[in-house]
Amino acid sequence: MVRTYLLLAWTWLRASAQYPIPMITMALGSFVLNGLDVAAIWVIFEHTDALGGFGLAEVMFLYGAAGVSFALADMLFGNVDRLSQHIRAGTFDAVLIRPASAFVQMTTDRFGVHRFGRMAQAAVVLGIALPQLDLEWGRAWMIPVMIVCGLVIFTSIFTLGGALQFLLTDAPEVANAFTYGGSTLTQYPLTVYGGDLVKAVTFIVPLAFVNWQPGLYVLDRDDPFGLPHWLRFAAPAAALILALAAALAWRAGIRRYRSTGS
């Protein structure tokens, strides 16, 4: 499956490389556009010393970690949210008869590096924030763990959104509320939101495990909501459970799919 993914992704990359200027322009545009989020945070800190009890470097750390996770998921697997377009056009039938995983084909559909700009921007922010933090470097092992877990969580949400499109062809808008909306939510400390929302993104849609709970461990901060300490180490379990749910939902969607007959 990995080999097939790489081959299909490379095919689309070669195709997009035939038009290098638009490809580079889109990547740079994505970098600049996402940089506006950082500018907004800077503006906030021009008027206050803390946001939800967290300093500028800490907020940038949370932003960068979540941003890298989401950008990787969006670049590698985000195209699955285009499934409804194939269903309406009747082209998903062709996907199913090819000797390759339908999921791999969907995620590599029109694969391009134009989304690399988002990942590069988030990585730059994270790289700048880390040296500004007074970290106990014995806790730094959690940083790659939280990025990988965030990648799995966002990928699972993309997949769940794709599976929903087997039932609702307008489901991309619903899925976007949890994918792109979840990315926006995790850009800030969860202390800026209400306690009920924090519980929802901890125990229902586990977005808190993208950067918040493991981030509290890295920063050696107490949980402002008084949630159990062990949740800081629960990101791998949360990511695994959500990934299994997404895999089952995708498989069920494939089984329920009925050809358009076109």
C-alpha atoms as a PDB file:
ATOM      1  CA  MET A   1       0.000   0.000   0.000  1.00  0.00           C
ATOM      2  CA  VAL A   2       2.828   2.416   0.839  1.00  0.00           C
ATOM      3  CA  ARG A   3       4.549   1.669  -2.474  1.00  0.00           C
ATOM      4  CA  THR A   4       1.316   2.302  -4.355  1.00  0.00           C
ATOM      5  CA  TYR A   5       0.799   5.572  -2.495  1.00  0.00           C
ATOM      6  CA  LEU A   6       4.308   6.763  -3.354  1.00  0.00           C
ATOM      7  CA  LEU A   7       3.938   5.800  -7.013  1.00  0.00           C
ATOM      8  CA  LEU A   8       0.610   7.587  -7.401  1.00  0.00           C
ATOM      9  CA  ALA A   9       1.802  10.655  -5.493  1.00  0.00           C
ATOM     10  CA  TRP A  10       4.945  10.796  -7.632  1.00  0.00           C
ATOM     11  CA  THR A  11       2.827  10.608 -10.787  1.00  0.00           C
ATOM     12  CA  TRP A  12       0.769  13.612  -9.738  1.00  0.00           C
ATOM     13  CA  LEU A  13       3.897  15.484  -8.638  1.00  0.00           C
ATOM     14  CA  ARG A  14       5.480  14.969 -12.042  1.00  0.00           C
ATOM     15  CA  ALA A  15       2.311  16.242 -13.671  1.00  0.00           C
ATOM     16  CA  SER A  16       2.197  19.381 -11.504  1.00  0.00           C
ATOM     17  CA  ALA A  17       5.924  19.972 -12.077  1.00  0.00           C
ATOM     18  CA  GLN A  18       5.102  20.631 -15.729  1.00  0.00           C
ATOM     19  CA  TYR A  19       3.795  23.995 -14.504  1.00  0.00           C
ATOM     20  CA  PRO A  20       6.417  25.029 -11.915  1.00  0.00           C
ATOM     21  CA  ILE A  21       5.508  28.698 -11.611  1.00  0.00           C
ATOM     22  CA  PRO A  22       1.861  28.139 -10.539  1.00  0.00           C
ATOM     23  CA  MET A  23       3.023  25.368  -8.191  1.00  0.00           C
ATOM     24  CA  ILE A  24       5.610  27.590  -6.495  1.00  0.00           C
ATOM     25  CA  THR A  25       3.225  30.535  -6.397  1.00  0.00           C
ATOM     26  CA  MET A  26       0.538  28.490  -4.665  1.00  0.00           C
ATOM     27  CA  ALA A  27       3.021  27.160  -2.097  1.00  0.00           C
ATOM     28  CA  LEU A  28       4.291  30.667  -1.331  1.00  0.00           C
ATOM     29  CA  GLY A  29       0.738  31.979  -1.198  1.00  0.00           C
ATOM     30  CA  SER A  30      -0.202  29.293   1.315  1.00  0.00           C
ATOM     31  CA  PHE A  31       2.853  30.184   3.423  1.00  0.00           C
ATOM     32  CA  VAL A  32       1.943  33.874   3.474  1.00  0.00           C
ATOM     33  CA  LEU A  33      -1.778  33.321   3.984  1.00  0.00           C
ATOM     34  CA  ASN A  34      -1.239  31.073   6.985  1.00  0.00           C
ATOM     35  CA  GLY A  35       1.284  33.560   8.301  1.00  0.00           C
ATOM     36  CA  LEU A  36      -1.644  35.928   8.840  1.00  0.00           C
ATOM     37  CA  ASP A  37      -2.739  33.685  11.729  1.00  0.00           C
ATOM     38  CA  VAL A  38       0.596  34.338  13.418  1.00  0.00           C
ATOM     39  CA  ALA A  39       0.223  38.047  12.740  1.00  0.00           C
ATOM     40  CA  ALA A  40      -3.156  37.963  14.502  1.00  0.00           C
ATOM     41  CA  ILE A  41      -1.543  36.346  17.543  1.00  0.00           C
ATOM     42  CA  TRP A  42       1.176  39.003  17.535  1.00  0.00           C
ATOM     43  CA  VAL A  43      -1.487  41.717  17.483  1.00  0.00           C
ATOM     44  CA  ILE A  44      -3.178  40.126  20.495  1.00  0.00           C
ATOM     45  CA  PHE A  45       0.083  40.109  22.440  1.00  0.00           C
ATOM     46  CA  GLU A  46       0.659  43.742  21.608  1.00  0.00           C
ATOM     47  CA  HIS A  47      -2.208  44.424  24.001  1.00  0.00           C
ATOM     48  CA  THR A  48      -1.696  41.717  26.631  1.00  0.00           C
ATOM     49  CA  ASP A  49       1.102  39.706  28.229  1.00  0.00           C
ATOM     50  CA  ALA A  50      -0.781  36.408  28.235  1.00  0.00           C
ATOM     51  CA  LEU A  51      -3.505  34.622  26.294  1.00  0.00           C
ATOM     52  CA  GLY A  52      -5.528  32.265  28.435  1.00  0.00           C
ATOM     53  CA  GLY A  53      -2.667  32.245  30.967  1.00  0.00           C
ATOM     54  CA  PHE A  54       0.002  31.376  28.387  1.00  0.00           C
ATOM     55  CA  GLY A  55       2.827  33.557  27.120  1.00  0.00           C
ATOM     56  CA  LEU A  56       3.687  34.312  23.511  1.00  0.00           C
ATOM     57  CA  ALA A  57       6.321  31.581  23.125  1.00  0.00           C
ATOM     58  CA  GLU A  58       3.995  28.994  24.685  1.00  0.00           C
ATOM     59  CA  VAL A  59       1.121  29.954  22.380  1.00  0.00           C
ATOM     60  CA  MET A  60       3.446  29.811  19.368  1.00  0.00           C
ATOM     61  CA  PHE A  61       4.604  26.360  20.474  1.00  0.00           C
ATOM     62  CA  LEU A  62       1.014  25.092  20.662  1.00  0.00           C
ATOM     63  CA  TYR A  63       0.220  26.754  17.332  1.00  0.00           C
ATOM     64  CA  GLY A  64       3.280  25.309  15.585  1.00  0.00           C
ATOM     65  CA  ALA A  65       2.819  21.763  16.885  1.00  0.00           C
ATOM     66  CA  ALA A  66      -0.844  21.638  15.857  1.00  0.00           C
ATOM     67  CA  GLY A  67      -0.054  23.368  12.571  1.00  0.00           C
ATOM     68  CA  VAL A  68       2.603  20.837  11.549  1.00  0.00           C
ATOM     69  CA  SER A  69       0.297  17.923  12.393  1.00  0.00           C
ATOM     70  CA  PHE A  70      -2.623  19.350  10.456  1.00  0.00           C
ATOM     71  CA  ALA A  71      -0.515  20.404   7.473  1.00  0.00           C
ATOM     72  CA  LEU A  72       0.958  16.917   7.147  1.00  0.00           C
ATOM     73  CA  ALA A  73      -2.489  15.313   7.369  1.00  0.00           C
ATOM     74  CA  ASP A  74      -3.926  17.786   4.892  1.00  0.00           C
ATOM     75  CA  MET A  75      -1.077  17.336   2.404  1.00  0.00           C
ATOM     76  CA  LEU A  76      -0.858  13.546   2.622  1.00  0.00           C
ATOM     77  CA  PHE A  77      -4.490  12.532   3.150  1.00  0.00           C
ATOM     78  CA  GLY A  78      -6.708  15.629   2.895  1.00  0.00           C
ATOM     79  CA  ASN A  79      -7.786  14.918  -0.683  1.00  0.00           C
ATOM     80  CA  VAL A  80     -10.137  12.227   0.635  1.00  0.00           C
ATOM     81  CA  ASP A  81     -12.635  15.023   1.253  1.00  0.00           C
ATOM     82  CA  ARG A  82     -13.127  15.216  -2.526  1.00  0.00           C
ATOM     83  CA  LEU A  83     -14.877  11.848  -2.517  1.00  0.00           C
ATOM     84  CA  SER A  84     -18.359  13.293  -3.033  1.00  0.00           C
ATOM     85  CA  GLN A  85     -17.211  14.909  -6.283  1.00  0.00           C
ATOM     86  CA  HIS A  86     -16.264  11.477  -7.637  1.00  0.00           C
ATOM     87  CA  ILE A  87     -19.534   9.952  -6.432  1.00  0.00           C
ATOM     88  CA  ARG A  88     -21.630  12.642  -8.115  1.00  0.00           C
ATOM     89  CA  ALA A  89     -19.589  12.424 -11.331  1.00  0.00           C
ATOM     90  CA  GLY A  90     -19.733   8.623 -11.344  1.00  0.00           C
ATOM     91  CA  THR A  91     -15.928   8.345 -11.470  1.00  0.00           C
ATOM     92  CA  PHE A  92     -15.687   6.496  -8.158  1.00  0.00           C
ATOM     93  CA  ASP A  93     -16.741   3.332  -9.965  1.00  0.00           C
ATOM     94  CA  ALA A  94     -13.462   3.473 -11.894  1.00  0.00           C
ATOM     95  CA  VAL A  95     -11.586   3.866  -8.603  1.00  0.00           C
ATOM     96  CA  LEU A  96     -13.095   0.654  -7.261  1.00  0.00           C
ATOM     97  CA  ILE A  97     -12.189  -1.517 -10.242  1.00  0.00           C
ATOM     98  CA  ARG A  98      -8.523  -0.524 -10.236  1.00  0.00           C
ATOM     99  CA  PRO A  99      -6.066  -2.930  -8.557  1.00  0.00           C
ATOM    100  CA  ALA A 100      -5.234  -0.475  -5.773  1.00  0.00           C
ATOM    101  CA  SER A 101      -6.761   0.631  -2.495  1.00  0.00           C
ATOM    102  CA  ALA A 102      -9.614   3.098  -2.981  1.00  0.00           C
ATOM    103  CA  PHE A 103      -8.372   5.050   0.040  1.00  0.00           C
ATOM    104  CA  VAL A 104      -4.865   5.388  -1.409  1.00  0.00           C
ATOM    105  CA  GLN A 105      -6.270   6.470  -4.759  1.00  0.00           C
ATOM    106  CA  MET A 106      -8.454   9.122  -3.150  1.00  0.00           C
ATOM    107  CA  THR A 107      -5.738  10.531  -0.910  1.00  0.00           C
ATOM    108  CA  THR A 108      -3.281  10.856  -3.797  1.00  0.00           C
ATOM    109  CA  ASP A 109      -5.824  12.303  -6.215  1.00  0.00           C
ATOM    110  CA  ARG A 110      -4.320  15.528  -7.597  1.00  0.00           C
ATOM    111  CA  PHE A 111      -1.523  15.298  -5.033  1.00  0.00           C
ATOM    112  CA  GLY A 112       0.671  18.385  -5.106  1.00  0.00           C
ATOM    113  CA  VAL A 113       3.238  20.253  -3.071  1.00  0.00           C
ATOM    114  CA  HIS A 114       1.225  23.485  -3.077  1.00  0.00           C
ATOM    115  CA  ARG A 115       0.093  22.551   0.446  1.00  0.00           C
ATOM    116  CA  PHE A 116       3.711  22.389   1.549  1.00  0.00           C
ATOM    117  CA  GLY A 117       3.534  26.115   2.260  1.00  0.00           C
ATOM    118  CA  ARG A 118       1.214  25.538   5.222  1.00  0.00           C
ATOM    119  CA  MET A 119       3.538  22.914   6.698  1.00  0.00           C
ATOM    120  CA  ALA A 120       6.649  25.042   6.168  1.00  0.00           C
ATOM    121  CA  GLN A 121       5.009  28.005   7.873  1.00  0.00           C
ATOM    122  CA  ALA A 122       3.971  25.960  10.914  1.00  0.00           C
ATOM    123  CA  ALA A 123       7.416  24.340  11.126  1.00  0.00           C
ATOM    124  CA  VAL A 124       9.100  27.763  11.088  1.00  0.00           C
ATOM    125  CA  VAL A 125       6.847  28.970  13.920  1.00  0.00           C
ATOM    126  CA  LEU A 126       7.575  25.834  15.956  1.00  0.00           C
ATOM    127  CA  GLY A 127      11.308  26.154  15.313  1.00  0.00           C
ATOM    128  CA  ILE A 128      11.301  29.762  16.492  1.00  0.00           C
ATOM    129  CA  ALA A 129       9.162  29.062  19.576  1.00  0.00           C
ATOM    130  CA  LEU A 130      11.138  26.126  20.995  1.00  0.00           C
ATOM    131  CA  PRO A 131      14.369  28.033  21.810  1.00  0.00           C
ATOM    132  CA  GLN A 132      12.295  30.732  23.531  1.00  0.00           C
ATOM    133  CA  LEU A 133      10.827  28.252  26.003  1.00  0.00           C
ATOM    134  CA  ASP A 134      12.446  27.361  29.291  1.00  0.00           C
ATOM    135  CA  LEU A 135      11.930  23.650  28.685  1.00  0.00           C
ATOM    136  CA  GLU A 136      13.116  20.718  30.694  1.00  0.00           C
ATOM    137  CA  TRP A 137      14.638  18.877  27.759  1.00  0.00           C
ATOM    138  CA  GLY A 138      13.896  15.554  29.421  1.00  0.00           C
ATOM    139  CA  ARG A 139      10.312  16.272  28.377  1.00  0.00           C
ATOM    140  CA  ALA A 140      11.175  17.037  24.743  1.00  0.00           C
ATOM    141  CA  TRP A 141      10.566  13.428  23.697  1.00  0.00           C
ATOM    142  CA  MET A 142       6.867  14.238  23.802  1.00  0.00           C
ATOM    143  CA  ILE A 143       7.149  16.779  20.951  1.00  0.00           C
ATOM    144  CA  PRO A 144       7.569  14.281  18.066  1.00  0.00           C
ATOM    145  CA  VAL A 145       5.010  12.009  19.744  1.00  0.00           C
ATOM    146  CA  MET A 146       2.388  14.761  19.830  1.00  0.00           C
ATOM    147  CA  ILE A 147       3.055  15.702  16.200  1.00  0.00           C
ATOM    148  CA  VAL A 148       2.642  12.098  15.030  1.00  0.00           C
ATOM    149  CA  CYS A 149      -0.474  11.616  17.156  1.00  0.00           C
ATOM    150  CA  GLY A 150      -1.887  14.886  15.835  1.00  0.00           C
ATOM    151  CA  LEU A 151      -1.224  13.674  12.302  1.00  0.00           C
ATOM    152  CA  VAL A 152      -3.131  10.443  12.996  1.00  0.00           C
ATOM    153  CA  ILE A 153      -6.019  12.290  14.672  1.00  0.00           C
ATOM    154  CA  PHE A 154      -6.479  14.775  11.827  1.00  0.00           C
ATOM    155  CA  THR A 155      -6.095  12.018   9.216  1.00  0.00           C
ATOM    156  CA  SER A 156      -8.757   9.994  11.017  1.00  0.00           C
ATOM    157  CA  ILE A 157     -11.122  12.966  11.015  1.00  0.00           C
ATOM    158  CA  PHE A 158     -10.502  13.473   7.289  1.00  0.00           C
ATOM    159  CA  THR A 159     -11.269   9.774   6.773  1.00  0.00           C
ATOM    160  CA  LEU A 160     -14.446   9.916   8.858  1.00  0.00           C
ATOM    161  CA  GLY A 161     -15.543  12.909   6.807  1.00  0.00           C
ATOM    162  CA  GLY A 162     -14.840  10.967   3.633  1.00  0.00           C
ATOM    163  CA  ALA A 163     -16.794   7.969   4.879  1.00  0.00           C
ATOM    164  CA  LEU A 164     -19.735  10.239   5.684  1.00  0.00           C
ATOM    165  CA  GLN A 165     -19.832  11.294   2.038  1.00  0.00           C
ATOM    166  CA  PHE A 166     -21.013   7.818   1.058  1.00  0.00           C
ATOM    167  CA  LEU A 167     -24.260   8.782   2.792  1.00  0.00           C
ATOM    168  CA  LEU A 168     -24.360  12.556   2.354  1.00  0.00           C
ATOM    169  CA  THR A 169     -22.898  14.093  -0.780  1.00  0.00           C
ATOM    170  CA  ASP A 170     -22.837  17.502   0.952  1.00  0.00           C
ATOM    171  CA  ALA A 171     -20.840  16.081   3.864  1.00  0.00           C
ATOM    172  CA  PRO A 172     -17.576  17.966   3.055  1.00  0.00           C
ATOM    173  CA  GLU A 173     -18.993  21.057   4.771  1.00  0.00           C
ATOM    174  CA  VAL A 174     -19.732  18.994   7.884  1.00  0.00           C
ATOM    175  CA  ALA A 175     -16.296  17.390   7.817  1.00  0.00           C
ATOM    176  CA  ASN A 176     -14.580  20.741   7.361  1.00  0.00           C
ATOM    177  CA  ALA A 177     -16.067  21.920  10.638  1.00  0.00           C
ATOM    178  CA  PHE A 178     -13.979  19.254  12.399  1.00  0.00           C
ATOM    179  CA  THR A 179     -10.856  19.284  10.178  1.00  0.00           C
ATOM    180  CA  TYR A 180     -10.175  22.913   9.296  1.00  0.00           C
ATOM    181  CA  GLY A 181     -12.291  24.034  12.245  1.00  0.00           C
ATOM    182  CA  GLY A 182     -10.321  21.732  14.521  1.00  0.00           C
ATOM    183  CA  SER A 183      -7.074  23.147  13.173  1.00  0.00           C
ATOM    184  CA  THR A 184      -8.225  26.667  14.007  1.00  0.00           C
ATOM    185  CA  LEU A 185      -9.392  25.612  17.474  1.00  0.00           C
ATOM    186  CA  THR A 186      -6.038  24.042  18.372  1.00  0.00           C
ATOM    187  CA  GLN A 187      -4.096  27.154  17.368  1.00  0.00           C
ATOM    188  CA  TYR A 188      -4.847  28.676  20.769  1.00  0.00           C
ATOM    189  CA  PRO A 189      -4.659  27.461  24.373  1.00  0.00           C
ATOM    190  CA  LEU A 190      -7.916  25.731  25.240  1.00  0.00           C
ATOM    191  CA  THR A 191      -8.234  28.027  28.251  1.00  0.00           C
ATOM    192  CA  VAL A 192      -9.730  30.646  25.931  1.00  0.00           C
ATOM    193  CA  TYR A 193     -12.734  28.346  25.451  1.00  0.00           C
ATOM    194  CA  GLY A 194     -15.434  27.169  27.842  1.00  0.00           C
ATOM    195  CA  GLY A 195     -15.066  24.103  30.034  1.00  0.00           C
ATOM    196  CA  ASP A 196     -17.836  22.201  28.244  1.00  0.00           C
ATOM    197  CA  LEU A 197     -16.102  22.612  24.884  1.00  0.00           C
ATOM    198  CA  VAL A 198     -12.812  21.432  26.356  1.00  0.00           C
ATOM    199  CA  LYS A 199     -14.488  18.294  27.710  1.00  0.00           C
ATOM    200  CA  ALA A 200     -16.066  17.682  24.299  1.00  0.00           C
ATOM    201  CA  VAL A 201     -12.730  17.890  22.462  1.00  0.00           C
ATOM    202  CA  THR A 202     -11.157  15.663  25.109  1.00  0.00           C
ATOM    203  CA  PHE A 203     -13.688  12.858  25.465  1.00  0.00           C
ATOM    204  CA  ILE A 204     -15.735  12.991  22.231  1.00  0.00           C
ATOM    205  CA  VAL A 205     -13.664  14.412  19.356  1.00  0.00           C
ATOM    206  CA  PRO A 206     -10.129  14.078  20.775  1.00  0.00           C
ATOM    207  CA  LEU A 207      -8.666  17.305  19.404  1.00  0.00           C
ATOM    208  CA  ALA A 208      -7.251  18.104  22.856  1.00  0.00           C
ATOM    209  CA  PHE A 209      -4.695  15.348  22.282  1.00  0.00           C
ATOM    210  CA  VAL A 210      -3.293  17.054  19.194  1.00  0.00           C
ATOM    211  CA  ASN A 211      -1.309  19.596  21.192  1.00  0.00           C
ATOM    212  CA  TRP A 212      -3.082  20.586  24.408  1.00  0.00           C
ATOM    213  CA  GLN A 213      -2.707  17.628  26.760  1.00  0.00           C
ATOM    214  CA  PRO A 214       0.795  16.575  25.592  1.00  0.00           C
ATOM    215  CA  GLY A 215       1.719  20.260  25.391  1.00  0.00           C
ATOM    216  CA  LEU A 216       0.921  20.716  29.075  1.00  0.00           C
ATOM    217  CA  TYR A 217       3.427  17.955  29.811  1.00  0.00           C
ATOM    218  CA  VAL A 218       6.120  19.528  27.634  1.00  0.00           C
ATOM    219  CA  LEU A 219       5.565  22.943  29.209  1.00  0.00           C
ATOM    220  CA  ASP A 220       5.295  21.427  32.721  1.00  0.00           C
ATOM    221  CA  ARG A 221       2.009  23.226  33.309  1.00  0.00           C
ATOM    222  CA  ASP A 222      -0.915  22.201  35.501  1.00  0.00           C
ATOM    223  CA  ASP A 223      -4.175  21.491  33.709  1.00  0.00           C
ATOM    224  CA  PRO A 224      -6.314  24.633  34.235  1.00  0.00           C
ATOM    225  CA  PHE A 225      -9.471  22.507  34.007  1.00  0.00           C
ATOM    226  CA  GLY A 226      -8.349  20.009  36.639  1.00  0.00           C
ATOM    227  CA  LEU A 227      -8.505  16.993  34.330  1.00  0.00           C
ATOM    228  CA  PRO A 228      -6.525  13.872  35.308  1.00  0.00           C
ATOM    229  CA  HIS A 229      -2.743  14.033  34.889  1.00  0.00           C
ATOM    230  CA  TRP A 230      -2.616  10.751  32.970  1.00  0.00           C
ATOM    231  CA  LEU A 231      -4.445  12.346  30.043  1.00  0.00           C
ATOM    232  CA  ARG A 232      -1.169  14.010  29.079  1.00  0.00           C
ATOM    233  CA  PHE A 233       0.135  10.601  28.016  1.00  0.00           C
ATOM    234  CA  ALA A 234      -3.103   9.397  26.398  1.00  0.00           C
ATOM    235  CA  ALA A 235      -2.564  10.911  22.931  1.00  0.00           C
ATOM    236  CA  PRO A 236      -1.330   7.624  21.352  1.00  0.00           C
ATOM    237  CA  ALA A 237      -4.347   5.742  22.723  1.00  0.00           C
ATOM    238  CA  ALA A 238      -6.762   8.449  21.570  1.00  0.00           C
ATOM    239  CA  ALA A 239      -5.181   8.509  18.107  1.00  0.00           C
ATOM    240  CA  LEU A 240      -5.335   4.712  17.833  1.00  0.00           C
ATOM    241  CA  ILE A 241      -9.001   4.517  18.875  1.00  0.00           C
ATOM    242  CA  LEU A 242     -10.001   7.263  16.443  1.00  0.00           C
ATOM    243  CA  ALA A 243      -7.968   5.641  13.648  1.00  0.00           C
ATOM    244  CA  LEU A 244      -9.730   2.320  14.200  1.00  0.00           C
ATOM    245  CA  ALA A 245     -13.109   4.036  14.160  1.00  0.00           C
ATOM    246  CA  ALA A 246     -12.183   5.836  10.937  1.00  0.00           C
ATOM    247  CA  ALA A 247     -11.000   2.601   9.292  1.00  0.00           C
ATOM    248  CA  LEU A 248     -14.246   0.832  10.209  1.00  0.00           C
ATOM    249  CA  ALA A 249     -16.326   3.769   8.966  1.00  0.00           C
ATOM    250  CA  TRP A 250     -14.453   3.858   5.652  1.00  0.00           C
ATOM    251  CA  ARG A 251     -14.861   0.109   5.196  1.00  0.00           C
ATOM    252  CA  ALA A 252     -18.574   0.337   5.966  1.00  0.00           C
ATOM    253  CA  GLY A 253     -18.927   3.195   3.481  1.00  0.00           C
ATOM    254  CA  ILE A 254     -17.255   1.177   0.726  1.00  0.00           C
ATOM    255  CA  ARG A 255     -19.614  -1.723   1.406  1.00  0.00           C
ATOM    256  CA  ARG A 256     -22.703   0.507   1.329  1.00  0.00           C
ATOM    257  CA  TYR A 257     -21.688   2.276  -1.866  1.00  0.00           C
ATOM    258  CA  ARG A 258     -23.973   1.683  -4.822  1.00  0.00           C
ATOM    259  CA  SER A 259     -22.783   2.349  -8.357  1.00  0.00           C
ATOM    260  CA  THR A 260     -24.278   5.277 -10.226  1.00  0.00           C
ATOM    261  CA  GLY A 261     -24.602   3.039 -13.265  1.00  0.00           C
ATOM    262  CA  SER A 262     -22.829   5.573 -15.453  1.00  0.00           C
END
